[in-house]
Amino acid sequence: MQNFPTFSTVRLVLSLPTISDLEDIIIHANSTSEIAGNTITFPYPYEEKHAHFWLKMTEEGFAKKDANIFAIREKENLKLIGAIGLHVDLANRKAEVGYWLGKSFWNKGYVSEALQRILQFGFEELHLNKIYASHFPHNPASGKVLQKNGFEFEGILKQEVLKNGQFLDLHRYAIFQEKYLNSEK
């Protein structure tokens, strides 16, 4: 893939985050401390330097072919409202999907809609065998999004992440290409 792809869904556009998104990234990442609390790497408060680092990481990931991180945009105005990405391990034909969304956009089905298109991209275009995701036990809503999109619970990774001085468990879910392709028929 030479150019970063752009995808369209019913209500969303998924595209490369750019420097013009800087203000929206900071606003949404700071919309609640829950976003940082539900993600492995986001700090709170989220500052401009964090957004610059994240934008650089998205460019480098695509250049190295080990990450495809998309801005989630509302189709009507193309403003960034969150992000979704695949961190790819091509040697093993698998990827980890992660996502975040500004709080005012929660509970509208946006993550599910974006995730459906990212699964299509991962399985049909990147030819991955497995896509997996993790969430903290205190964020069961993320697990519900994954289950709604065909992911199955694989297990609990005990004390997997050190966040804010505390070791936290992760709940791991996965979906395989065969299941995805059979569900599409």
N, C-alpha and C. Protein backbone atom coordinates (compact mmCIF):
# COMPACT_ATOMS: atom_id res chain seq x y z
N MET A 1 0.84 -1.17 0.00
CA MET A 1 0.00 0.00 0.00
C MET A 1 0.89 1.24 0.00
N GLN A 2 0.75 2.03 -1.04
CA GLN A 2 1.58 3.22 -1.18
C GLN A 2 1.01 4.41 -0.41
N ASN A 3 -0.28 4.64 -0.58
CA ASN A 3 -0.95 5.78 0.06
C ASN A 3 -1.83 5.32 1.19
N PHE A 4 -1.94 6.16 2.21
CA PHE A 4 -2.79 5.82 3.34
C PHE A 4 -4.25 5.76 2.86
N PRO A 5 -4.96 4.68 3.19
CA PRO A 5 -6.33 4.54 2.71
C PRO A 5 -7.30 5.46 3.46
N THR A 6 -8.39 5.76 2.80
CA THR A 6 -9.51 6.48 3.43
C THR A 6 -10.75 5.63 3.20
N PHE A 7 -11.52 5.44 4.27
CA PHE A 7 -12.72 4.62 4.19
C PHE A 7 -13.93 5.44 4.59
N SER A 8 -15.05 5.08 4.01
CA SER A 8 -16.31 5.74 4.31
C SER A 8 -17.30 4.69 4.80
N THR A 9 -18.06 5.03 5.84
CA THR A 9 -19.14 4.18 6.33
C THR A 9 -20.42 5.01 6.22
N VAL A 10 -21.49 4.54 6.77
CA VAL A 10 -22.75 5.26 6.69
C VAL A 10 -22.63 6.67 7.28
N ARG A 11 -22.01 6.78 8.47
CA ARG A 11 -21.94 8.08 9.16
C ARG A 11 -20.54 8.63 9.32
N LEU A 12 -19.52 7.85 8.95
CA LEU A 12 -18.15 8.21 9.29
C LEU A 12 -17.22 8.19 8.08
N VAL A 13 -16.11 8.90 8.24
CA VAL A 13 -14.97 8.80 7.34
C VAL A 13 -13.79 8.44 8.22
N LEU A 14 -13.03 7.42 7.80
CA LEU A 14 -11.82 7.01 8.50
C LEU A 14 -10.65 7.38 7.61
N SER A 15 -9.77 8.24 8.12
CA SER A 15 -8.68 8.74 7.30
C SER A 15 -7.46 9.04 8.16
N LEU A 16 -6.39 9.42 7.49
CA LEU A 16 -5.15 9.73 8.17
C LEU A 16 -5.32 10.96 9.07
N PRO A 17 -4.94 10.86 10.34
CA PRO A 17 -4.93 12.06 11.19
C PRO A 17 -3.82 12.99 10.71
N THR A 18 -4.08 14.29 10.72
CA THR A 18 -3.09 15.27 10.26
C THR A 18 -2.93 16.38 11.29
N ILE A 19 -1.95 17.22 11.06
CA ILE A 19 -1.68 18.34 11.97
C ILE A 19 -2.90 19.26 12.08
N SER A 20 -3.74 19.31 11.06
CA SER A 20 -4.94 20.15 11.14
C SER A 20 -5.95 19.61 12.15
N ASP A 21 -5.76 18.38 12.62
CA ASP A 21 -6.62 17.77 13.64
C ASP A 21 -6.15 18.05 15.05
N LEU A 22 -5.03 18.74 15.20
CA LEU A 22 -4.39 18.91 16.50
C LEU A 22 -5.36 19.40 17.57
N GLU A 23 -6.08 20.46 17.29
CA GLU A 23 -6.99 21.04 18.29
C GLU A 23 -8.09 20.05 18.68
N ASP A 24 -8.66 19.34 17.69
CA ASP A 24 -9.71 18.37 17.99
C ASP A 24 -9.18 17.20 18.81
N ILE A 25 -7.98 16.75 18.50
CA ILE A 25 -7.37 15.66 19.28
C ILE A 25 -7.27 16.08 20.74
N ILE A 26 -6.74 17.25 21.00
CA ILE A 26 -6.55 17.73 22.37
C ILE A 26 -7.90 17.92 23.08
N ILE A 27 -8.85 18.52 22.40
CA ILE A 27 -10.18 18.74 23.00
C ILE A 27 -10.82 17.42 23.39
N HIS A 28 -10.84 16.46 22.47
CA HIS A 28 -11.51 15.19 22.75
C HIS A 28 -10.75 14.32 23.73
N ALA A 29 -9.43 14.32 23.64
CA ALA A 29 -8.63 13.52 24.58
C ALA A 29 -8.76 14.06 26.01
N ASN A 30 -9.08 15.35 26.13
CA ASN A 30 -9.27 15.97 27.45
C ASN A 30 -10.73 16.07 27.86
N SER A 31 -11.65 15.53 27.05
CA SER A 31 -13.07 15.69 27.36
C SER A 31 -13.47 15.00 28.66
N THR A 32 -12.67 14.03 29.09
CA THR A 32 -12.88 13.37 30.38
C THR A 32 -11.63 12.58 30.73
N SER A 33 -11.36 12.45 32.01
CA SER A 33 -10.22 11.63 32.42
C SER A 33 -10.47 10.15 32.15
N GLU A 34 -11.73 9.79 31.86
CA GLU A 34 -12.07 8.39 31.56
C GLU A 34 -11.37 7.90 30.30
N ILE A 35 -11.12 8.78 29.33
CA ILE A 35 -10.44 8.35 28.10
C ILE A 35 -9.04 7.88 28.47
N ALA A 36 -8.30 8.65 29.22
CA ALA A 36 -6.97 8.23 29.67
C ALA A 36 -7.08 6.99 30.54
N GLY A 37 -8.09 6.94 31.38
CA GLY A 37 -8.27 5.79 32.27
C GLY A 37 -8.61 4.50 31.55
N ASN A 38 -9.15 4.62 30.35
CA ASN A 38 -9.55 3.44 29.58
C ASN A 38 -8.55 3.07 28.49
N THR A 39 -7.51 3.86 28.32
CA THR A 39 -6.49 3.55 27.31
C THR A 39 -5.17 3.27 28.00
N ILE A 40 -4.35 2.49 27.34
CA ILE A 40 -3.07 2.10 27.95
C ILE A 40 -2.08 3.26 27.95
N THR A 41 -2.07 4.06 26.88
CA THR A 41 -0.99 5.03 26.73
C THR A 41 -1.38 6.50 26.90
N PHE A 42 -2.67 6.82 26.93
CA PHE A 42 -3.05 8.23 27.00
C PHE A 42 -2.82 8.81 28.39
N PRO A 43 -2.17 9.97 28.46
CA PRO A 43 -2.05 10.67 29.74
C PRO A 43 -3.26 11.59 29.96
N TYR A 44 -3.39 12.06 31.17
CA TYR A 44 -4.40 13.08 31.47
C TYR A 44 -3.79 14.03 32.48
N PRO A 45 -3.79 15.31 32.25
CA PRO A 45 -4.36 15.95 31.06
C PRO A 45 -3.54 15.65 29.80
N TYR A 46 -4.19 15.76 28.69
CA TYR A 46 -3.59 15.49 27.39
C TYR A 46 -3.16 16.83 26.80
N GLU A 47 -1.86 16.99 26.58
CA GLU A 47 -1.32 18.27 26.16
C GLU A 47 -0.94 18.26 24.68
N GLU A 48 -0.63 19.44 24.17
CA GLU A 48 -0.26 19.57 22.75
C GLU A 48 0.93 18.68 22.40
N LYS A 49 1.91 18.57 23.29
CA LYS A 49 3.08 17.73 23.00
C LYS A 49 2.67 16.27 22.83
N HIS A 50 1.64 15.82 23.56
CA HIS A 50 1.16 14.45 23.41
C HIS A 50 0.53 14.24 22.04
N ALA A 51 -0.23 15.23 21.59
CA ALA A 51 -0.87 15.14 20.28
C ALA A 51 0.18 15.13 19.17
N HIS A 52 1.20 15.96 19.28
CA HIS A 52 2.28 15.96 18.29
C HIS A 52 2.97 14.59 18.24
N PHE A 53 3.24 14.03 19.41
CA PHE A 53 3.87 12.71 19.48
C PHE A 53 2.98 11.66 18.82
N TRP A 54 1.67 11.69 19.12
CA TRP A 54 0.72 10.72 18.56
C TRP A 54 0.65 10.85 17.03
N LEU A 55 0.60 12.07 16.53
CA LEU A 55 0.57 12.28 15.08
C LEU A 55 1.85 11.75 14.42
N LYS A 56 2.98 11.98 15.05
CA LYS A 56 4.25 11.47 14.52
C LYS A 56 4.24 9.94 14.51
N MET A 57 3.72 9.35 15.58
CA MET A 57 3.64 7.90 15.70
C MET A 57 2.75 7.31 14.59
N THR A 58 1.65 7.99 14.26
CA THR A 58 0.76 7.48 13.21
C THR A 58 1.47 7.48 11.86
N GLU A 59 2.22 8.54 11.57
CA GLU A 59 2.97 8.60 10.31
C GLU A 59 4.06 7.54 10.25
N GLU A 60 4.81 7.40 11.33
CA GLU A 60 5.90 6.43 11.36
C GLU A 60 5.38 5.00 11.28
N GLY A 61 4.27 4.73 11.95
CA GLY A 61 3.68 3.39 11.91
C GLY A 61 3.28 2.99 10.50
N PHE A 62 2.68 3.91 9.77
CA PHE A 62 2.30 3.62 8.40
C PHE A 62 3.54 3.43 7.53
N ALA A 63 4.54 4.28 7.70
CA ALA A 63 5.76 4.19 6.90
C ALA A 63 6.47 2.85 7.13
N LYS A 64 6.45 2.36 8.38
CA LYS A 64 7.10 1.09 8.71
C LYS A 64 6.20 -0.11 8.45
N LYS A 65 4.94 0.15 8.08
CA LYS A 65 3.95 -0.90 7.80
C LYS A 65 3.61 -1.73 9.03
N ASP A 66 3.72 -1.11 10.22
CA ASP A 66 3.33 -1.85 11.42
C ASP A 66 2.16 -1.21 12.17
N ALA A 67 1.60 -0.15 11.59
CA ALA A 67 0.42 0.47 12.19
C ALA A 67 -0.37 1.24 11.14
N ASN A 68 -1.67 1.12 11.25
CA ASN A 68 -2.60 1.90 10.43
C ASN A 68 -3.57 2.56 11.39
N ILE A 69 -3.33 3.82 11.70
CA ILE A 69 -4.15 4.54 12.68
C ILE A 69 -4.98 5.57 11.94
N PHE A 70 -6.28 5.46 12.11
CA PHE A 70 -7.24 6.30 11.39
C PHE A 70 -7.91 7.29 12.33
N ALA A 71 -8.08 8.50 11.85
CA ALA A 71 -8.97 9.45 12.52
C ALA A 71 -10.39 8.98 12.26
N ILE A 72 -11.22 9.00 13.28
CA ILE A 72 -12.66 8.77 13.10
C ILE A 72 -13.29 10.14 12.95
N ARG A 73 -13.96 10.35 11.83
CA ARG A 73 -14.56 11.65 11.53
C ARG A 73 -16.04 11.49 11.24
N GLU A 74 -16.82 12.45 11.71
CA GLU A 74 -18.23 12.48 11.31
C GLU A 74 -18.28 12.91 9.84
N LYS A 75 -19.08 12.21 9.07
CA LYS A 75 -19.14 12.48 7.63
C LYS A 75 -19.63 13.89 7.34
N GLU A 76 -20.53 14.39 8.16
CA GLU A 76 -21.16 15.69 7.86
C GLU A 76 -20.21 16.88 7.93
N ASN A 77 -19.15 16.78 8.78
CA ASN A 77 -18.24 17.93 8.89
C ASN A 77 -16.76 17.56 8.84
N LEU A 78 -16.46 16.28 8.81
CA LEU A 78 -15.10 15.73 8.73
C LEU A 78 -14.20 16.11 9.91
N LYS A 79 -14.80 16.51 11.03
CA LYS A 79 -14.04 16.81 12.24
C LYS A 79 -13.65 15.51 12.93
N LEU A 80 -12.42 15.45 13.42
CA LEU A 80 -11.97 14.29 14.17
C LEU A 80 -12.73 14.19 15.48
N ILE A 81 -13.27 12.98 15.76
CA ILE A 81 -13.99 12.74 17.01
C ILE A 81 -13.33 11.63 17.84
N GLY A 82 -12.34 10.98 17.24
CA GLY A 82 -11.63 9.90 17.91
C GLY A 82 -10.68 9.24 16.93
N ALA A 83 -10.25 8.03 17.29
CA ALA A 83 -9.33 7.31 16.41
C ALA A 83 -9.48 5.81 16.61
N ILE A 84 -9.09 5.08 15.58
CA ILE A 84 -9.08 3.62 15.62
C ILE A 84 -7.89 3.15 14.82
N GLY A 85 -7.23 2.12 15.28
CA GLY A 85 -6.04 1.69 14.56
C GLY A 85 -5.73 0.23 14.72
N LEU A 86 -4.98 -0.27 13.76
CA LEU A 86 -4.45 -1.63 13.79
C LEU A 86 -2.94 -1.56 13.96
N HIS A 87 -2.43 -2.22 14.96
CA HIS A 87 -0.99 -2.38 15.17
C HIS A 87 -0.66 -3.78 14.66
N VAL A 88 0.04 -3.83 13.55
CA VAL A 88 0.14 -5.03 12.73
C VAL A 88 1.43 -5.81 12.98
N ASP A 89 1.28 -7.12 13.04
CA ASP A 89 2.39 -8.07 13.06
C ASP A 89 2.21 -8.93 11.82
N LEU A 90 2.73 -8.46 10.68
CA LEU A 90 2.53 -9.14 9.41
C LEU A 90 3.16 -10.52 9.37
N ALA A 91 4.28 -10.72 10.06
CA ALA A 91 4.95 -12.02 10.08
C ALA A 91 4.02 -13.10 10.62
N ASN A 92 3.16 -12.72 11.55
CA ASN A 92 2.22 -13.67 12.15
C ASN A 92 0.78 -13.45 11.69
N ARG A 93 0.62 -12.54 10.73
CA ARG A 93 -0.69 -12.21 10.15
C ARG A 93 -1.75 -11.92 11.23
N LYS A 94 -1.36 -11.05 12.15
CA LYS A 94 -2.29 -10.65 13.20
C LYS A 94 -2.11 -9.17 13.48
N ALA A 95 -3.09 -8.59 14.18
CA ALA A 95 -3.01 -7.18 14.56
C ALA A 95 -3.83 -6.95 15.81
N GLU A 96 -3.40 -5.94 16.56
CA GLU A 96 -4.18 -5.49 17.72
C GLU A 96 -4.93 -4.24 17.30
N VAL A 97 -6.21 -4.20 17.59
CA VAL A 97 -7.01 -3.02 17.30
C VAL A 97 -7.21 -2.24 18.60
N GLY A 98 -7.12 -0.93 18.48
CA GLY A 98 -7.36 -0.05 19.61
C GLY A 98 -8.17 1.15 19.14
N TYR A 99 -8.88 1.79 20.04
CA TYR A 99 -9.72 2.91 19.66
C TYR A 99 -9.99 3.80 20.86
N TRP A 100 -10.34 5.04 20.55
CA TRP A 100 -10.81 5.99 21.56
C TRP A 100 -11.76 6.96 20.87
N LEU A 101 -12.62 7.56 21.66
CA LEU A 101 -13.64 8.47 21.13
C LEU A 101 -13.89 9.57 22.16
N GLY A 102 -14.06 10.81 21.68
CA GLY A 102 -14.43 11.91 22.57
C GLY A 102 -15.73 11.59 23.29
N LYS A 103 -15.84 11.98 24.55
CA LYS A 103 -16.98 11.58 25.38
C LYS A 103 -18.33 11.97 24.80
N SER A 104 -18.44 13.12 24.18
CA SER A 104 -19.76 13.54 23.66
C SER A 104 -20.23 12.65 22.50
N PHE A 105 -19.38 11.73 22.04
CA PHE A 105 -19.74 10.83 20.95
C PHE A 105 -19.95 9.39 21.42
N TRP A 106 -19.85 9.16 22.72
CA TRP A 106 -20.06 7.82 23.27
C TRP A 106 -21.53 7.41 23.10
N ASN A 107 -21.74 6.11 23.07
CA ASN A 107 -23.09 5.49 23.04
C ASN A 107 -23.90 5.87 21.81
N LYS A 108 -23.23 6.09 20.70
CA LYS A 108 -23.92 6.39 19.45
C LYS A 108 -23.62 5.34 18.38
N GLY A 109 -22.85 4.31 18.74
CA GLY A 109 -22.50 3.26 17.80
C GLY A 109 -21.36 3.60 16.85
N TYR A 110 -20.68 4.71 17.10
CA TYR A 110 -19.60 5.12 16.20
C TYR A 110 -18.42 4.13 16.22
N VAL A 111 -18.05 3.65 17.40
CA VAL A 111 -16.91 2.74 17.46
C VAL A 111 -17.24 1.43 16.73
N SER A 112 -18.45 0.92 16.94
CA SER A 112 -18.85 -0.31 16.24
C SER A 112 -18.81 -0.11 14.73
N GLU A 113 -19.31 1.01 14.29
CA GLU A 113 -19.33 1.31 12.85
C GLU A 113 -17.91 1.38 12.29
N ALA A 114 -17.03 2.06 13.00
CA ALA A 114 -15.63 2.16 12.56
C ALA A 114 -14.95 0.80 12.63
N LEU A 115 -15.22 0.05 13.69
CA LEU A 115 -14.58 -1.25 13.87
C LEU A 115 -14.98 -2.22 12.75
N GLN A 116 -16.23 -2.19 12.33
CA GLN A 116 -16.66 -3.06 11.24
C GLN A 116 -15.83 -2.80 9.98
N ARG A 117 -15.56 -1.54 9.69
CA ARG A 117 -14.78 -1.21 8.49
C ARG A 117 -13.31 -1.58 8.67
N ILE A 118 -12.79 -1.43 9.87
CA ILE A 118 -11.40 -1.80 10.15
C ILE A 118 -11.23 -3.31 10.07
N LEU A 119 -12.21 -4.07 10.52
CA LEU A 119 -12.14 -5.53 10.38
C LEU A 119 -12.11 -5.92 8.90
N GLN A 120 -12.95 -5.28 8.12
CA GLN A 120 -12.95 -5.55 6.68
C GLN A 120 -11.57 -5.28 6.09
N PHE A 121 -11.00 -4.13 6.43
CA PHE A 121 -9.66 -3.77 5.96
C PHE A 121 -8.63 -4.82 6.39
N GLY A 122 -8.66 -5.18 7.66
CA GLY A 122 -7.67 -6.12 8.18
C GLY A 122 -7.76 -7.50 7.57
N PHE A 123 -8.98 -8.01 7.44
CA PHE A 123 -9.13 -9.38 6.94
C PHE A 123 -9.12 -9.46 5.41
N GLU A 124 -9.75 -8.52 4.74
CA GLU A 124 -9.90 -8.61 3.30
C GLU A 124 -8.77 -7.93 2.52
N GLU A 125 -8.17 -6.90 3.10
CA GLU A 125 -7.13 -6.18 2.37
C GLU A 125 -5.73 -6.49 2.88
N LEU A 126 -5.57 -6.62 4.20
CA LEU A 126 -4.26 -6.98 4.75
C LEU A 126 -4.09 -8.49 4.88
N HIS A 127 -5.18 -9.24 4.72
CA HIS A 127 -5.18 -10.71 4.79
C HIS A 127 -4.67 -11.23 6.13
N LEU A 128 -5.09 -10.55 7.19
CA LEU A 128 -4.74 -11.00 8.53
C LEU A 128 -5.52 -12.25 8.89
N ASN A 129 -4.98 -13.04 9.79
CA ASN A 129 -5.68 -14.21 10.30
C ASN A 129 -6.41 -13.90 11.61
N LYS A 130 -5.84 -13.00 12.41
CA LYS A 130 -6.38 -12.72 13.74
C LYS A 130 -6.31 -11.23 14.02
N ILE A 131 -7.38 -10.70 14.58
CA ILE A 131 -7.39 -9.34 15.11
C ILE A 131 -7.84 -9.45 16.56
N TYR A 132 -7.07 -8.85 17.45
CA TYR A 132 -7.39 -8.94 18.87
C TYR A 132 -7.44 -7.56 19.50
N ALA A 133 -8.03 -7.50 20.65
CA ALA A 133 -8.16 -6.24 21.38
C ALA A 133 -8.21 -6.54 22.88
N SER A 134 -7.85 -5.55 23.65
CA SER A 134 -7.86 -5.70 25.11
C SER A 134 -8.55 -4.49 25.73
N HIS A 135 -9.12 -4.71 26.90
CA HIS A 135 -9.68 -3.59 27.66
C HIS A 135 -9.49 -3.85 29.14
N PHE A 136 -9.48 -2.78 29.90
CA PHE A 136 -9.37 -2.89 31.35
C PHE A 136 -10.69 -3.42 31.91
N PRO A 137 -10.65 -4.17 33.01
CA PRO A 137 -11.88 -4.68 33.61
C PRO A 137 -12.87 -3.58 33.99
N HIS A 138 -12.38 -2.37 34.30
CA HIS A 138 -13.28 -1.29 34.69
C HIS A 138 -13.96 -0.63 33.48
N ASN A 139 -13.73 -1.16 32.28
CA ASN A 139 -14.34 -0.62 31.06
C ASN A 139 -15.10 -1.72 30.30
N PRO A 140 -16.15 -2.29 30.91
CA PRO A 140 -16.87 -3.38 30.25
C PRO A 140 -17.57 -2.95 28.96
N ALA A 141 -17.83 -1.66 28.79
CA ALA A 141 -18.48 -1.20 27.55
C ALA A 141 -17.63 -1.54 26.33
N SER A 142 -16.32 -1.48 26.48
CA SER A 142 -15.43 -1.82 25.37
C SER A 142 -15.57 -3.30 25.02
N GLY A 143 -15.68 -4.15 26.02
CA GLY A 143 -15.89 -5.58 25.78
C GLY A 143 -17.20 -5.84 25.05
N LYS A 144 -18.22 -5.06 25.36
CA LYS A 144 -19.52 -5.22 24.69
C LYS A 144 -19.42 -4.83 23.22
N VAL A 145 -18.66 -3.78 22.92
CA VAL A 145 -18.43 -3.37 21.53
C VAL A 145 -17.74 -4.50 20.77
N LEU A 146 -16.74 -5.09 21.39
CA LEU A 146 -16.00 -6.17 20.73
C LEU A 146 -16.90 -7.38 20.49
N GLN A 147 -17.67 -7.78 21.49
CA GLN A 147 -18.58 -8.93 21.34
C GLN A 147 -19.62 -8.67 20.26
N LYS A 148 -20.14 -7.45 20.22
CA LYS A 148 -21.14 -7.08 19.21
C LYS A 148 -20.57 -7.25 17.80
N ASN A 149 -19.26 -7.11 17.67
CA ASN A 149 -18.60 -7.20 16.37
C ASN A 149 -17.92 -8.54 16.12
N GLY A 150 -18.34 -9.57 16.86
CA GLY A 150 -17.90 -10.93 16.59
C GLY A 150 -16.66 -11.39 17.34
N PHE A 151 -16.08 -10.56 18.18
CA PHE A 151 -14.91 -10.97 18.96
C PHE A 151 -15.35 -11.92 20.06
N GLU A 152 -14.47 -12.85 20.39
CA GLU A 152 -14.73 -13.79 21.48
C GLU A 152 -13.70 -13.58 22.58
N PHE A 153 -14.14 -13.74 23.80
CA PHE A 153 -13.28 -13.58 24.97
C PHE A 153 -12.22 -14.67 24.96
N GLU A 154 -10.95 -14.29 25.08
CA GLU A 154 -9.86 -15.27 25.13
C GLU A 154 -9.33 -15.49 26.54
N GLY A 155 -9.41 -14.46 27.38
CA GLY A 155 -8.92 -14.65 28.73
C GLY A 155 -8.50 -13.34 29.38
N ILE A 156 -8.00 -13.47 30.59
CA ILE A 156 -7.54 -12.31 31.36
C ILE A 156 -6.03 -12.37 31.44
N LEU A 157 -5.40 -11.28 31.05
CA LEU A 157 -3.95 -11.15 31.18
C LEU A 157 -3.70 -10.45 32.52
N LYS A 158 -3.23 -11.19 33.48
CA LYS A 158 -3.05 -10.69 34.84
C LYS A 158 -1.90 -9.71 34.94
N GLN A 159 -2.17 -8.57 35.58
CA GLN A 159 -1.17 -7.55 35.84
C GLN A 159 -0.31 -7.27 34.60
N GLU A 160 -0.99 -7.10 33.47
CA GLU A 160 -0.33 -6.96 32.17
C GLU A 160 0.25 -5.57 31.93
N VAL A 161 -0.35 -4.56 32.54
CA VAL A 161 0.03 -3.18 32.25
C VAL A 161 0.31 -2.42 33.54
N LEU A 162 1.39 -1.65 33.53
CA LEU A 162 1.68 -0.75 34.64
C LEU A 162 1.18 0.63 34.24
N LYS A 163 0.15 1.10 34.91
CA LYS A 163 -0.45 2.40 34.59
C LYS A 163 -0.62 3.18 35.88
N ASN A 164 -0.06 4.37 35.90
CA ASN A 164 -0.15 5.24 37.07
C ASN A 164 0.32 4.53 38.34
N GLY A 165 1.41 3.76 38.21
CA GLY A 165 1.99 3.10 39.37
C GLY A 165 1.26 1.85 39.84
N GLN A 166 0.29 1.39 39.07
CA GLN A 166 -0.51 0.24 39.47
C GLN A 166 -0.53 -0.79 38.34
N PHE A 167 -0.33 -2.08 38.68
CA PHE A 167 -0.43 -3.14 37.69
C PHE A 167 -1.90 -3.48 37.47
N LEU A 168 -2.30 -3.47 36.20
CA LEU A 168 -3.70 -3.71 35.85
C LEU A 168 -3.85 -4.91 34.95
N ASP A 169 -4.95 -5.63 35.14
CA ASP A 169 -5.30 -6.75 34.27
C ASP A 169 -5.87 -6.22 32.97
N LEU A 170 -5.81 -7.05 31.94
CA LEU A 170 -6.48 -6.77 30.67
C LEU A 170 -7.36 -7.96 30.30
N HIS A 171 -8.54 -7.66 29.78
CA HIS A 171 -9.41 -8.68 29.22
C HIS A 171 -9.13 -8.72 27.71
N ARG A 172 -8.82 -9.91 27.20
CA ARG A 172 -8.42 -10.06 25.80
C ARG A 172 -9.53 -10.74 25.00
N TYR A 173 -9.80 -10.16 23.84
CA TYR A 173 -10.79 -10.68 22.89
C TYR A 173 -10.11 -10.84 21.54
N ALA A 174 -10.66 -11.74 20.70
CA ALA A 174 -10.10 -11.90 19.36
C ALA A 174 -11.19 -12.36 18.39
N ILE A 175 -10.94 -12.09 17.13
CA ILE A 175 -11.76 -12.60 16.04
C ILE A 175 -10.79 -13.10 14.97
N PHE A 176 -11.18 -14.19 14.32
CA PHE A 176 -10.32 -14.80 13.30
C PHE A 176 -10.94 -14.60 11.93
N GLN A 177 -10.06 -14.59 10.92
CA GLN A 177 -10.48 -14.36 9.54
C GLN A 177 -11.60 -15.31 9.13
N GLU A 178 -11.47 -16.59 9.45
CA GLU A 178 -12.47 -17.57 9.04
C GLU A 178 -13.85 -17.21 9.60
N LYS A 179 -13.91 -16.85 10.87
CA LYS A 179 -15.19 -16.48 11.47
C LYS A 179 -15.74 -15.21 10.82
N TYR A 180 -14.86 -14.23 10.60
CA TYR A 180 -15.28 -12.98 9.98
C TYR A 180 -15.84 -13.24 8.58
N LEU A 181 -15.12 -13.98 7.77
CA LEU A 181 -15.56 -14.23 6.39
C LEU A 181 -16.85 -15.04 6.36
N ASN A 182 -17.01 -16.00 7.28
CA ASN A 182 -18.25 -16.79 7.33
C ASN A 182 -19.43 -15.94 7.79
N SER A 183 -19.19 -14.96 8.65
CA SER A 183 -20.29 -14.10 9.13
C SER A 183 -20.73 -13.11 8.07
N GLU A 184 -19.87 -12.85 7.09
CA GLU A 184 -20.18 -11.90 6.03
C GLU A 184 -21.09 -12.50 4.95
N LYS A 185 -21.22 -13.82 4.95
CA LYS A 185 -22.02 -14.49 3.89
C LYS A 185 -23.50 -14.37 4.14
